[in-house]
Amino acid sequence: MIAVRTPAASKDWDGAVIAVDSAGQYVQCQTKGERGSSPDVPPTFINDRLWGTGHIVEYFDAVGGPAGKGRYLSLGAGHYTTAVAKITVSYGEDPKQYQAVMAGGAFFYTASFSTGSSTAKFIDAMSTPYVHAYNAAGKEIYNQKKDPQFTGTSE
């Protein structure tokens, strides 16, 4: 199970909980204060999108939104196969990568950014999250920036 409080609160989120049971069923619940809500009804699902397709990483959710004046909140979650030892996230064109929280085959990331005076320009240029996965030897085995599913190119 992963429970994370986001670094800033948006109108709808200030945290998330992800749990995986022994059958590989995932539950994701975004939180606001003492309440939670699931993007799926019912909130539990078996994610055979990953296990049956040969993907290394798959996504539950990736959302972002304003978090008060001049702030932007980004959060996302997904899951990974046993080939993955580390998940990181980079944002926009910045090459710096930040460690995601990982447990039981699921991962979660969150970040808060200062947008300055132009939120729209910031969102376009800087806030797009890109997931990276590494094996136990430290070799990058997945880079979302190169994934045909997101780049619009064929493999």
N, C-alpha and C. Protein backbone atom coordinates (compact mmCIF):
# COMPACT_ATOMS: atom_id res chain seq x y z
N MET A 1 0.84 -1.16 0.00
CA MET A 1 0.00 0.00 0.00
C MET A 1 0.89 1.23 0.00
N ILE A 2 0.44 2.25 -0.74
CA ILE A 2 1.10 3.54 -0.79
C ILE A 2 0.09 4.60 -0.37
N ALA A 3 0.46 5.44 0.56
CA ALA A 3 -0.37 6.58 0.94
C ALA A 3 0.55 7.80 0.92
N VAL A 4 0.18 8.79 0.11
CA VAL A 4 1.03 9.97 -0.08
C VAL A 4 0.20 11.23 0.05
N ARG A 5 0.73 12.20 0.77
CA ARG A 5 0.14 13.52 0.84
C ARG A 5 0.86 14.37 -0.20
N THR A 6 0.12 15.09 -1.05
CA THR A 6 0.74 15.90 -2.09
C THR A 6 1.40 17.14 -1.47
N PRO A 7 2.42 17.71 -2.14
CA PRO A 7 3.14 18.86 -1.58
C PRO A 7 2.33 20.15 -1.58
N ALA A 8 1.22 20.19 -2.30
CA ALA A 8 0.30 21.32 -2.31
C ALA A 8 -1.09 20.75 -2.54
N ALA A 9 -2.09 21.46 -2.08
CA ALA A 9 -3.47 20.98 -2.26
C ALA A 9 -4.13 21.72 -3.41
N SER A 10 -4.71 20.94 -4.32
CA SER A 10 -5.52 21.55 -5.37
C SER A 10 -6.97 21.59 -4.87
N LYS A 11 -7.86 22.06 -5.71
CA LYS A 11 -9.28 22.10 -5.35
C LYS A 11 -9.81 20.70 -5.06
N ASP A 12 -9.30 19.69 -5.78
CA ASP A 12 -9.83 18.33 -5.68
C ASP A 12 -8.95 17.33 -4.96
N TRP A 13 -7.64 17.56 -4.83
CA TRP A 13 -6.74 16.55 -4.28
C TRP A 13 -5.77 17.15 -3.27
N ASP A 14 -5.43 16.34 -2.30
CA ASP A 14 -4.30 16.65 -1.43
C ASP A 14 -3.55 15.38 -1.03
N GLY A 15 -3.89 14.27 -1.69
CA GLY A 15 -3.20 13.02 -1.43
C GLY A 15 -3.79 11.89 -2.25
N ALA A 16 -3.23 10.71 -2.06
CA ALA A 16 -3.72 9.52 -2.77
C ALA A 16 -3.35 8.28 -1.98
N VAL A 17 -4.13 7.26 -2.15
CA VAL A 17 -3.86 5.95 -1.57
C VAL A 17 -3.96 4.93 -2.70
N ILE A 18 -2.97 4.05 -2.79
CA ILE A 18 -2.97 2.97 -3.77
C ILE A 18 -2.69 1.69 -3.00
N ALA A 19 -3.47 0.66 -3.26
CA ALA A 19 -3.25 -0.63 -2.61
C ALA A 19 -3.34 -1.73 -3.65
N VAL A 20 -2.55 -2.79 -3.41
CA VAL A 20 -2.54 -3.96 -4.28
C VAL A 20 -2.77 -5.18 -3.39
N ASP A 21 -3.74 -6.03 -3.76
CA ASP A 21 -3.96 -7.22 -2.94
C ASP A 21 -3.17 -8.40 -3.51
N SER A 22 -3.24 -9.54 -2.83
CA SER A 22 -2.45 -10.71 -3.23
C SER A 22 -2.85 -11.26 -4.59
N ALA A 23 -4.04 -10.91 -5.07
CA ALA A 23 -4.50 -11.36 -6.39
C ALA A 23 -4.08 -10.38 -7.49
N GLY A 24 -3.36 -9.31 -7.10
CA GLY A 24 -2.92 -8.33 -8.09
C GLY A 24 -3.99 -7.31 -8.46
N GLN A 25 -5.03 -7.20 -7.65
CA GLN A 25 -6.05 -6.18 -7.90
C GLN A 25 -5.60 -4.87 -7.28
N TYR A 26 -5.83 -3.78 -8.01
CA TYR A 26 -5.38 -2.47 -7.58
C TYR A 26 -6.57 -1.59 -7.21
N VAL A 27 -6.37 -0.80 -6.19
CA VAL A 27 -7.33 0.22 -5.80
C VAL A 27 -6.57 1.54 -5.75
N GLN A 28 -7.12 2.57 -6.38
CA GLN A 28 -6.55 3.91 -6.27
C GLN A 28 -7.64 4.84 -5.79
N CYS A 29 -7.32 5.65 -4.82
CA CYS A 29 -8.28 6.60 -4.27
C CYS A 29 -7.57 7.93 -4.08
N GLN A 30 -8.07 8.97 -4.72
CA GLN A 30 -7.52 10.30 -4.49
C GLN A 30 -8.23 10.89 -3.29
N THR A 31 -7.50 11.67 -2.50
CA THR A 31 -8.07 12.17 -1.26
C THR A 31 -8.16 13.69 -1.27
N LYS A 32 -9.07 14.18 -0.49
CA LYS A 32 -9.21 15.61 -0.22
C LYS A 32 -9.67 15.72 1.22
N GLY A 33 -8.76 16.21 2.06
CA GLY A 33 -9.08 16.27 3.48
C GLY A 33 -9.26 14.88 4.03
N GLU A 34 -10.38 14.65 4.67
CA GLU A 34 -10.67 13.34 5.26
C GLU A 34 -11.48 12.46 4.31
N ARG A 35 -11.77 12.94 3.10
CA ARG A 35 -12.59 12.19 2.15
C ARG A 35 -11.71 11.57 1.07
N GLY A 36 -12.22 10.54 0.43
CA GLY A 36 -11.54 9.94 -0.70
C GLY A 36 -12.53 9.70 -1.83
N SER A 37 -12.02 9.61 -3.04
CA SER A 37 -12.87 9.27 -4.17
C SER A 37 -12.04 8.48 -5.16
N SER A 38 -12.68 7.55 -5.81
CA SER A 38 -11.99 6.71 -6.77
C SER A 38 -12.35 7.13 -8.18
N PRO A 39 -11.37 7.15 -9.10
CA PRO A 39 -11.70 7.44 -10.49
C PRO A 39 -12.44 6.30 -11.18
N ASP A 40 -12.47 5.13 -10.57
CA ASP A 40 -13.15 3.97 -11.15
C ASP A 40 -14.26 3.50 -10.22
N VAL A 41 -15.35 3.05 -10.79
CA VAL A 41 -16.44 2.51 -10.00
C VAL A 41 -16.81 1.15 -10.58
N PRO A 42 -16.67 0.04 -9.90
CA PRO A 42 -16.09 0.00 -8.56
C PRO A 42 -14.60 0.29 -8.61
N PRO A 43 -14.00 0.71 -7.49
CA PRO A 43 -12.62 1.16 -7.52
C PRO A 43 -11.57 0.06 -7.68
N THR A 44 -11.93 -1.19 -7.51
CA THR A 44 -10.97 -2.28 -7.63
C THR A 44 -11.01 -2.84 -9.05
N PHE A 45 -9.85 -3.05 -9.64
CA PHE A 45 -9.81 -3.64 -10.96
C PHE A 45 -8.54 -4.45 -11.13
N ILE A 46 -8.59 -5.46 -11.97
CA ILE A 46 -7.41 -6.24 -12.32
C ILE A 46 -6.82 -5.59 -13.56
N ASN A 47 -5.57 -5.25 -13.50
CA ASN A 47 -5.00 -4.50 -14.59
C ASN A 47 -4.29 -5.41 -15.57
N ASP A 48 -5.06 -6.13 -16.37
CA ASP A 48 -4.46 -7.02 -17.37
C ASP A 48 -3.96 -6.24 -18.58
N ARG A 49 -4.16 -4.90 -18.59
CA ARG A 49 -3.57 -4.08 -19.66
C ARG A 49 -2.04 -4.20 -19.61
N LEU A 50 -1.50 -4.34 -18.43
CA LEU A 50 -0.05 -4.45 -18.28
C LEU A 50 0.40 -5.90 -18.41
N TRP A 51 -0.17 -6.77 -17.64
CA TRP A 51 0.37 -8.12 -17.53
C TRP A 51 0.22 -8.92 -18.83
N GLY A 52 -0.80 -8.64 -19.63
CA GLY A 52 -1.01 -9.42 -20.84
C GLY A 52 -0.42 -8.82 -22.11
N THR A 53 0.21 -7.64 -22.01
CA THR A 53 0.61 -6.95 -23.23
C THR A 53 2.11 -6.83 -23.42
N GLY A 54 2.89 -7.23 -22.44
CA GLY A 54 4.33 -7.09 -22.55
C GLY A 54 4.84 -5.72 -22.14
N HIS A 55 3.97 -4.84 -21.64
CA HIS A 55 4.41 -3.54 -21.16
C HIS A 55 5.21 -3.68 -19.87
N ILE A 56 6.16 -2.80 -19.67
CA ILE A 56 6.95 -2.76 -18.44
C ILE A 56 6.28 -1.86 -17.42
N VAL A 57 5.68 -0.77 -17.90
CA VAL A 57 5.01 0.22 -17.05
C VAL A 57 3.64 0.51 -17.66
N GLU A 58 2.65 0.68 -16.82
CA GLU A 58 1.32 1.10 -17.26
C GLU A 58 0.81 2.13 -16.26
N TYR A 59 -0.14 2.96 -16.69
CA TYR A 59 -0.58 4.09 -15.88
C TYR A 59 -2.00 3.93 -15.41
N PHE A 60 -2.25 4.25 -14.14
CA PHE A 60 -3.61 4.37 -13.63
C PHE A 60 -4.11 5.77 -13.96
N ASP A 61 -3.27 6.75 -13.67
CA ASP A 61 -3.75 8.12 -13.63
C ASP A 61 -2.58 9.07 -13.79
N ALA A 62 -2.80 10.17 -14.44
CA ALA A 62 -1.85 11.28 -14.50
C ALA A 62 -2.69 12.54 -14.64
N VAL A 63 -2.70 13.35 -13.60
CA VAL A 63 -3.53 14.55 -13.60
C VAL A 63 -2.72 15.73 -13.08
N GLY A 64 -3.21 16.89 -13.36
CA GLY A 64 -2.60 18.11 -12.85
C GLY A 64 -3.63 19.21 -12.83
N GLY A 65 -3.35 20.21 -12.02
CA GLY A 65 -4.27 21.33 -11.95
C GLY A 65 -3.76 22.41 -11.04
N PRO A 66 -4.40 23.56 -11.08
CA PRO A 66 -4.01 24.67 -10.22
C PRO A 66 -4.10 24.27 -8.74
N ALA A 67 -3.16 24.79 -7.96
CA ALA A 67 -3.14 24.53 -6.52
C ALA A 67 -2.95 25.85 -5.79
N GLY A 68 -3.84 26.76 -6.06
CA GLY A 68 -3.74 28.09 -5.46
C GLY A 68 -3.04 29.04 -6.42
N LYS A 69 -2.97 30.29 -6.03
CA LYS A 69 -2.40 31.32 -6.89
C LYS A 69 -0.92 31.05 -7.17
N GLY A 70 -0.60 30.94 -8.47
CA GLY A 70 0.78 30.75 -8.88
C GLY A 70 1.35 29.36 -8.61
N ARG A 71 0.50 28.37 -8.32
CA ARG A 71 0.96 27.00 -8.03
C ARG A 71 0.24 26.02 -8.95
N TYR A 72 0.92 24.92 -9.26
CA TYR A 72 0.37 23.86 -10.09
C TYR A 72 0.74 22.54 -9.44
N LEU A 73 -0.22 21.62 -9.35
CA LEU A 73 -0.01 20.31 -8.74
C LEU A 73 -0.07 19.24 -9.81
N SER A 74 0.92 18.35 -9.82
CA SER A 74 0.96 17.22 -10.74
C SER A 74 1.02 15.95 -9.91
N LEU A 75 0.20 14.96 -10.27
CA LEU A 75 0.28 13.67 -9.59
C LEU A 75 -0.08 12.57 -10.57
N GLY A 76 0.48 11.41 -10.32
CA GLY A 76 0.21 10.28 -11.18
C GLY A 76 0.52 8.98 -10.49
N ALA A 77 -0.03 7.91 -11.04
CA ALA A 77 0.16 6.59 -10.46
C ALA A 77 0.15 5.56 -11.58
N GLY A 78 0.74 4.43 -11.29
CA GLY A 78 0.76 3.35 -12.25
C GLY A 78 1.28 2.09 -11.62
N HIS A 79 1.64 1.15 -12.45
CA HIS A 79 2.21 -0.08 -11.95
C HIS A 79 3.29 -0.56 -12.89
N TYR A 80 4.07 -1.51 -12.41
CA TYR A 80 5.27 -1.95 -13.12
C TYR A 80 5.46 -3.45 -12.93
N THR A 81 6.23 -4.05 -13.82
CA THR A 81 6.53 -5.48 -13.72
C THR A 81 7.71 -5.71 -12.79
N THR A 82 8.01 -6.97 -12.53
CA THR A 82 9.11 -7.32 -11.63
C THR A 82 10.48 -6.97 -12.22
N ALA A 83 10.55 -6.66 -13.51
CA ALA A 83 11.83 -6.26 -14.13
C ALA A 83 12.27 -4.87 -13.67
N VAL A 84 11.36 -4.12 -13.05
CA VAL A 84 11.64 -2.74 -12.65
C VAL A 84 12.10 -2.69 -11.20
N ALA A 85 13.24 -2.02 -10.97
CA ALA A 85 13.76 -1.83 -9.62
C ALA A 85 13.58 -0.39 -9.13
N LYS A 86 13.46 0.55 -10.07
CA LYS A 86 13.34 1.97 -9.69
C LYS A 86 12.50 2.69 -10.74
N ILE A 87 11.61 3.57 -10.27
CA ILE A 87 10.81 4.44 -11.14
C ILE A 87 11.17 5.88 -10.78
N THR A 88 11.42 6.69 -11.81
CA THR A 88 11.63 8.11 -11.61
C THR A 88 10.71 8.89 -12.54
N VAL A 89 10.60 10.18 -12.28
CA VAL A 89 9.77 11.05 -13.12
C VAL A 89 10.56 12.31 -13.42
N SER A 90 10.55 12.71 -14.69
CA SER A 90 11.10 14.01 -15.08
C SER A 90 9.93 14.87 -15.54
N TYR A 91 10.14 16.18 -15.58
CA TYR A 91 9.06 17.10 -15.94
C TYR A 91 9.49 17.99 -17.09
N GLY A 92 8.64 18.04 -18.13
CA GLY A 92 8.90 18.91 -19.27
C GLY A 92 10.25 18.59 -19.90
N GLU A 93 10.98 19.62 -20.24
CA GLU A 93 12.29 19.46 -20.87
C GLU A 93 13.42 19.38 -19.86
N ASP A 94 13.12 19.51 -18.57
CA ASP A 94 14.15 19.42 -17.52
C ASP A 94 14.58 17.96 -17.39
N PRO A 95 15.87 17.65 -17.57
CA PRO A 95 16.32 16.26 -17.50
C PRO A 95 16.38 15.67 -16.08
N LYS A 96 16.29 16.52 -15.04
CA LYS A 96 16.38 16.02 -13.66
C LYS A 96 15.23 15.05 -13.40
N GLN A 97 15.56 13.93 -12.75
CA GLN A 97 14.56 12.91 -12.44
C GLN A 97 14.36 12.81 -10.94
N TYR A 98 13.11 12.58 -10.54
CA TYR A 98 12.73 12.49 -9.13
C TYR A 98 12.18 11.10 -8.86
N GLN A 99 12.58 10.52 -7.75
CA GLN A 99 12.17 9.17 -7.37
C GLN A 99 10.67 9.11 -7.10
N ALA A 100 9.99 8.13 -7.67
CA ALA A 100 8.58 7.86 -7.37
C ALA A 100 8.52 6.95 -6.15
N VAL A 101 7.40 6.95 -5.46
CA VAL A 101 7.17 6.02 -4.36
C VAL A 101 6.69 4.71 -4.97
N MET A 102 7.28 3.59 -4.54
CA MET A 102 6.95 2.29 -5.12
C MET A 102 6.62 1.28 -4.02
N ALA A 103 5.62 0.44 -4.28
CA ALA A 103 5.29 -0.66 -3.35
C ALA A 103 4.37 -1.64 -4.05
N GLY A 104 4.66 -2.92 -3.91
CA GLY A 104 3.76 -3.98 -4.37
C GLY A 104 3.40 -3.93 -5.85
N GLY A 105 4.29 -3.41 -6.68
CA GLY A 105 4.01 -3.33 -8.10
C GLY A 105 3.33 -2.05 -8.53
N ALA A 106 3.05 -1.14 -7.59
CA ALA A 106 2.42 0.14 -7.91
C ALA A 106 3.39 1.27 -7.60
N PHE A 107 3.20 2.40 -8.31
CA PHE A 107 4.02 3.58 -8.02
C PHE A 107 3.16 4.82 -8.01
N PHE A 108 3.66 5.87 -7.36
CA PHE A 108 2.96 7.13 -7.26
C PHE A 108 3.99 8.25 -7.28
N TYR A 109 3.64 9.34 -7.98
CA TYR A 109 4.51 10.52 -7.96
C TYR A 109 3.65 11.77 -7.82
N THR A 110 4.23 12.80 -7.25
CA THR A 110 3.55 14.07 -7.12
C THR A 110 4.59 15.18 -7.04
N ALA A 111 4.21 16.35 -7.55
CA ALA A 111 5.08 17.52 -7.50
C ALA A 111 4.22 18.77 -7.52
N SER A 112 4.75 19.82 -6.93
CA SER A 112 4.10 21.11 -6.96
C SER A 112 5.08 22.10 -7.58
N PHE A 113 4.56 22.94 -8.47
CA PHE A 113 5.41 23.89 -9.19
C PHE A 113 4.89 25.31 -9.01
N SER A 114 5.82 26.25 -9.04
CA SER A 114 5.45 27.66 -9.11
C SER A 114 5.26 27.99 -10.58
N THR A 115 4.11 28.55 -10.94
CA THR A 115 3.81 28.81 -12.34
C THR A 115 4.16 30.22 -12.77
N GLY A 116 4.45 31.09 -11.85
CA GLY A 116 4.68 32.49 -12.23
C GLY A 116 3.38 33.12 -12.68
N SER A 117 3.46 34.03 -13.61
CA SER A 117 2.26 34.76 -14.02
C SER A 117 1.48 34.08 -15.14
N SER A 118 2.08 33.11 -15.84
CA SER A 118 1.38 32.48 -16.96
C SER A 118 1.24 30.98 -16.75
N THR A 119 0.15 30.58 -16.15
CA THR A 119 -0.09 29.16 -15.90
C THR A 119 -0.14 28.36 -17.20
N ALA A 120 -0.78 28.89 -18.24
CA ALA A 120 -0.91 28.16 -19.51
C ALA A 120 0.45 27.89 -20.12
N LYS A 121 1.32 28.89 -20.18
CA LYS A 121 2.66 28.69 -20.73
C LYS A 121 3.44 27.69 -19.90
N PHE A 122 3.29 27.77 -18.58
CA PHE A 122 3.99 26.84 -17.69
C PHE A 122 3.56 25.41 -17.97
N ILE A 123 2.26 25.18 -18.05
CA ILE A 123 1.74 23.83 -18.26
C ILE A 123 2.27 23.26 -19.57
N ASP A 124 2.27 24.05 -20.62
CA ASP A 124 2.76 23.58 -21.91
C ASP A 124 4.25 23.25 -21.87
N ALA A 125 5.05 24.09 -21.22
CA ALA A 125 6.50 23.98 -21.32
C ALA A 125 7.14 23.11 -20.25
N MET A 126 6.59 23.08 -19.06
CA MET A 126 7.35 22.51 -17.95
C MET A 126 6.71 21.34 -17.22
N SER A 127 5.42 21.27 -17.14
CA SER A 127 4.83 20.37 -16.16
C SER A 127 4.52 18.96 -16.66
N THR A 128 4.67 18.68 -17.93
CA THR A 128 4.35 17.34 -18.43
C THR A 128 5.27 16.31 -17.77
N PRO A 129 4.70 15.35 -17.03
CA PRO A 129 5.53 14.34 -16.38
C PRO A 129 5.89 13.21 -17.34
N TYR A 130 7.11 12.71 -17.22
CA TYR A 130 7.58 11.56 -18.01
C TYR A 130 8.14 10.52 -17.06
N VAL A 131 7.61 9.31 -17.14
CA VAL A 131 8.03 8.21 -16.28
C VAL A 131 9.22 7.50 -16.90
N HIS A 132 10.19 7.14 -16.05
CA HIS A 132 11.37 6.37 -16.45
C HIS A 132 11.46 5.16 -15.53
N ALA A 133 11.82 4.01 -16.07
CA ALA A 133 11.98 2.80 -15.26
C ALA A 133 13.38 2.24 -15.45
N TYR A 134 13.95 1.73 -14.36
CA TYR A 134 15.31 1.19 -14.36
C TYR A 134 15.30 -0.23 -13.78
N ASN A 135 16.18 -1.07 -14.33
CA ASN A 135 16.30 -2.42 -13.78
C ASN A 135 17.26 -2.40 -12.59
N ALA A 136 17.50 -3.55 -11.98
CA ALA A 136 18.35 -3.64 -10.79
C ALA A 136 19.80 -3.23 -11.05
N ALA A 137 20.25 -3.32 -12.29
CA ALA A 137 21.61 -2.92 -12.65
C ALA A 137 21.71 -1.41 -12.90
N GLY A 138 20.57 -0.70 -12.82
CA GLY A 138 20.57 0.74 -13.03
C GLY A 138 20.40 1.16 -14.48
N LYS A 139 20.12 0.20 -15.38
CA LYS A 139 19.92 0.52 -16.79
C LYS A 139 18.48 0.97 -17.02
N GLU A 140 18.32 2.07 -17.76
CA GLU A 140 16.97 2.53 -18.09
C GLU A 140 16.33 1.54 -19.06
N ILE A 141 15.18 0.99 -18.67
CA ILE A 141 14.48 0.01 -19.51
C ILE A 141 13.16 0.55 -20.05
N TYR A 142 12.79 1.74 -19.60
CA TYR A 142 11.58 2.39 -20.11
C TYR A 142 11.74 3.90 -19.97
N ASN A 143 11.35 4.62 -21.04
CA ASN A 143 11.37 6.08 -21.03
C ASN A 143 10.09 6.54 -21.72
N GLN A 144 9.20 7.16 -20.97
CA GLN A 144 7.91 7.57 -21.53
C GLN A 144 8.07 8.55 -22.68
N LYS A 145 9.13 9.35 -22.66
CA LYS A 145 9.35 10.30 -23.76
C LYS A 145 9.57 9.59 -25.08
N LYS A 146 9.98 8.33 -25.03
CA LYS A 146 10.25 7.55 -26.24
C LYS A 146 9.17 6.51 -26.53
N ASP A 147 8.14 6.44 -25.69
CA ASP A 147 7.09 5.43 -25.82
C ASP A 147 6.16 5.82 -26.98
N PRO A 148 6.02 4.96 -28.01
CA PRO A 148 5.15 5.26 -29.14
C PRO A 148 3.70 5.58 -28.73
N GLN A 149 3.25 5.03 -27.62
CA GLN A 149 1.91 5.31 -27.15
C GLN A 149 1.72 6.80 -26.86
N PHE A 150 2.81 7.50 -26.48
CA PHE A 150 2.74 8.90 -26.13
C PHE A 150 3.35 9.82 -27.17
N THR A 151 4.22 9.29 -28.02
CA THR A 151 4.88 10.13 -29.02
C THR A 151 4.14 10.16 -30.34
N GLY A 152 3.21 9.21 -30.54
CA GLY A 152 2.46 9.16 -31.77
C GLY A 152 3.22 8.49 -32.91
N THR A 153 4.35 7.84 -32.58
CA THR A 153 5.12 7.14 -33.61
C THR A 153 4.92 5.65 -33.45
N SER A 154 5.24 4.90 -34.46
CA SER A 154 5.10 3.44 -34.35
C SER A 154 6.42 2.86 -33.87
N GLU A 155 6.34 1.66 -33.30
CA GLU A 155 7.54 1.00 -32.77
C GLU A 155 8.40 0.48 -33.88
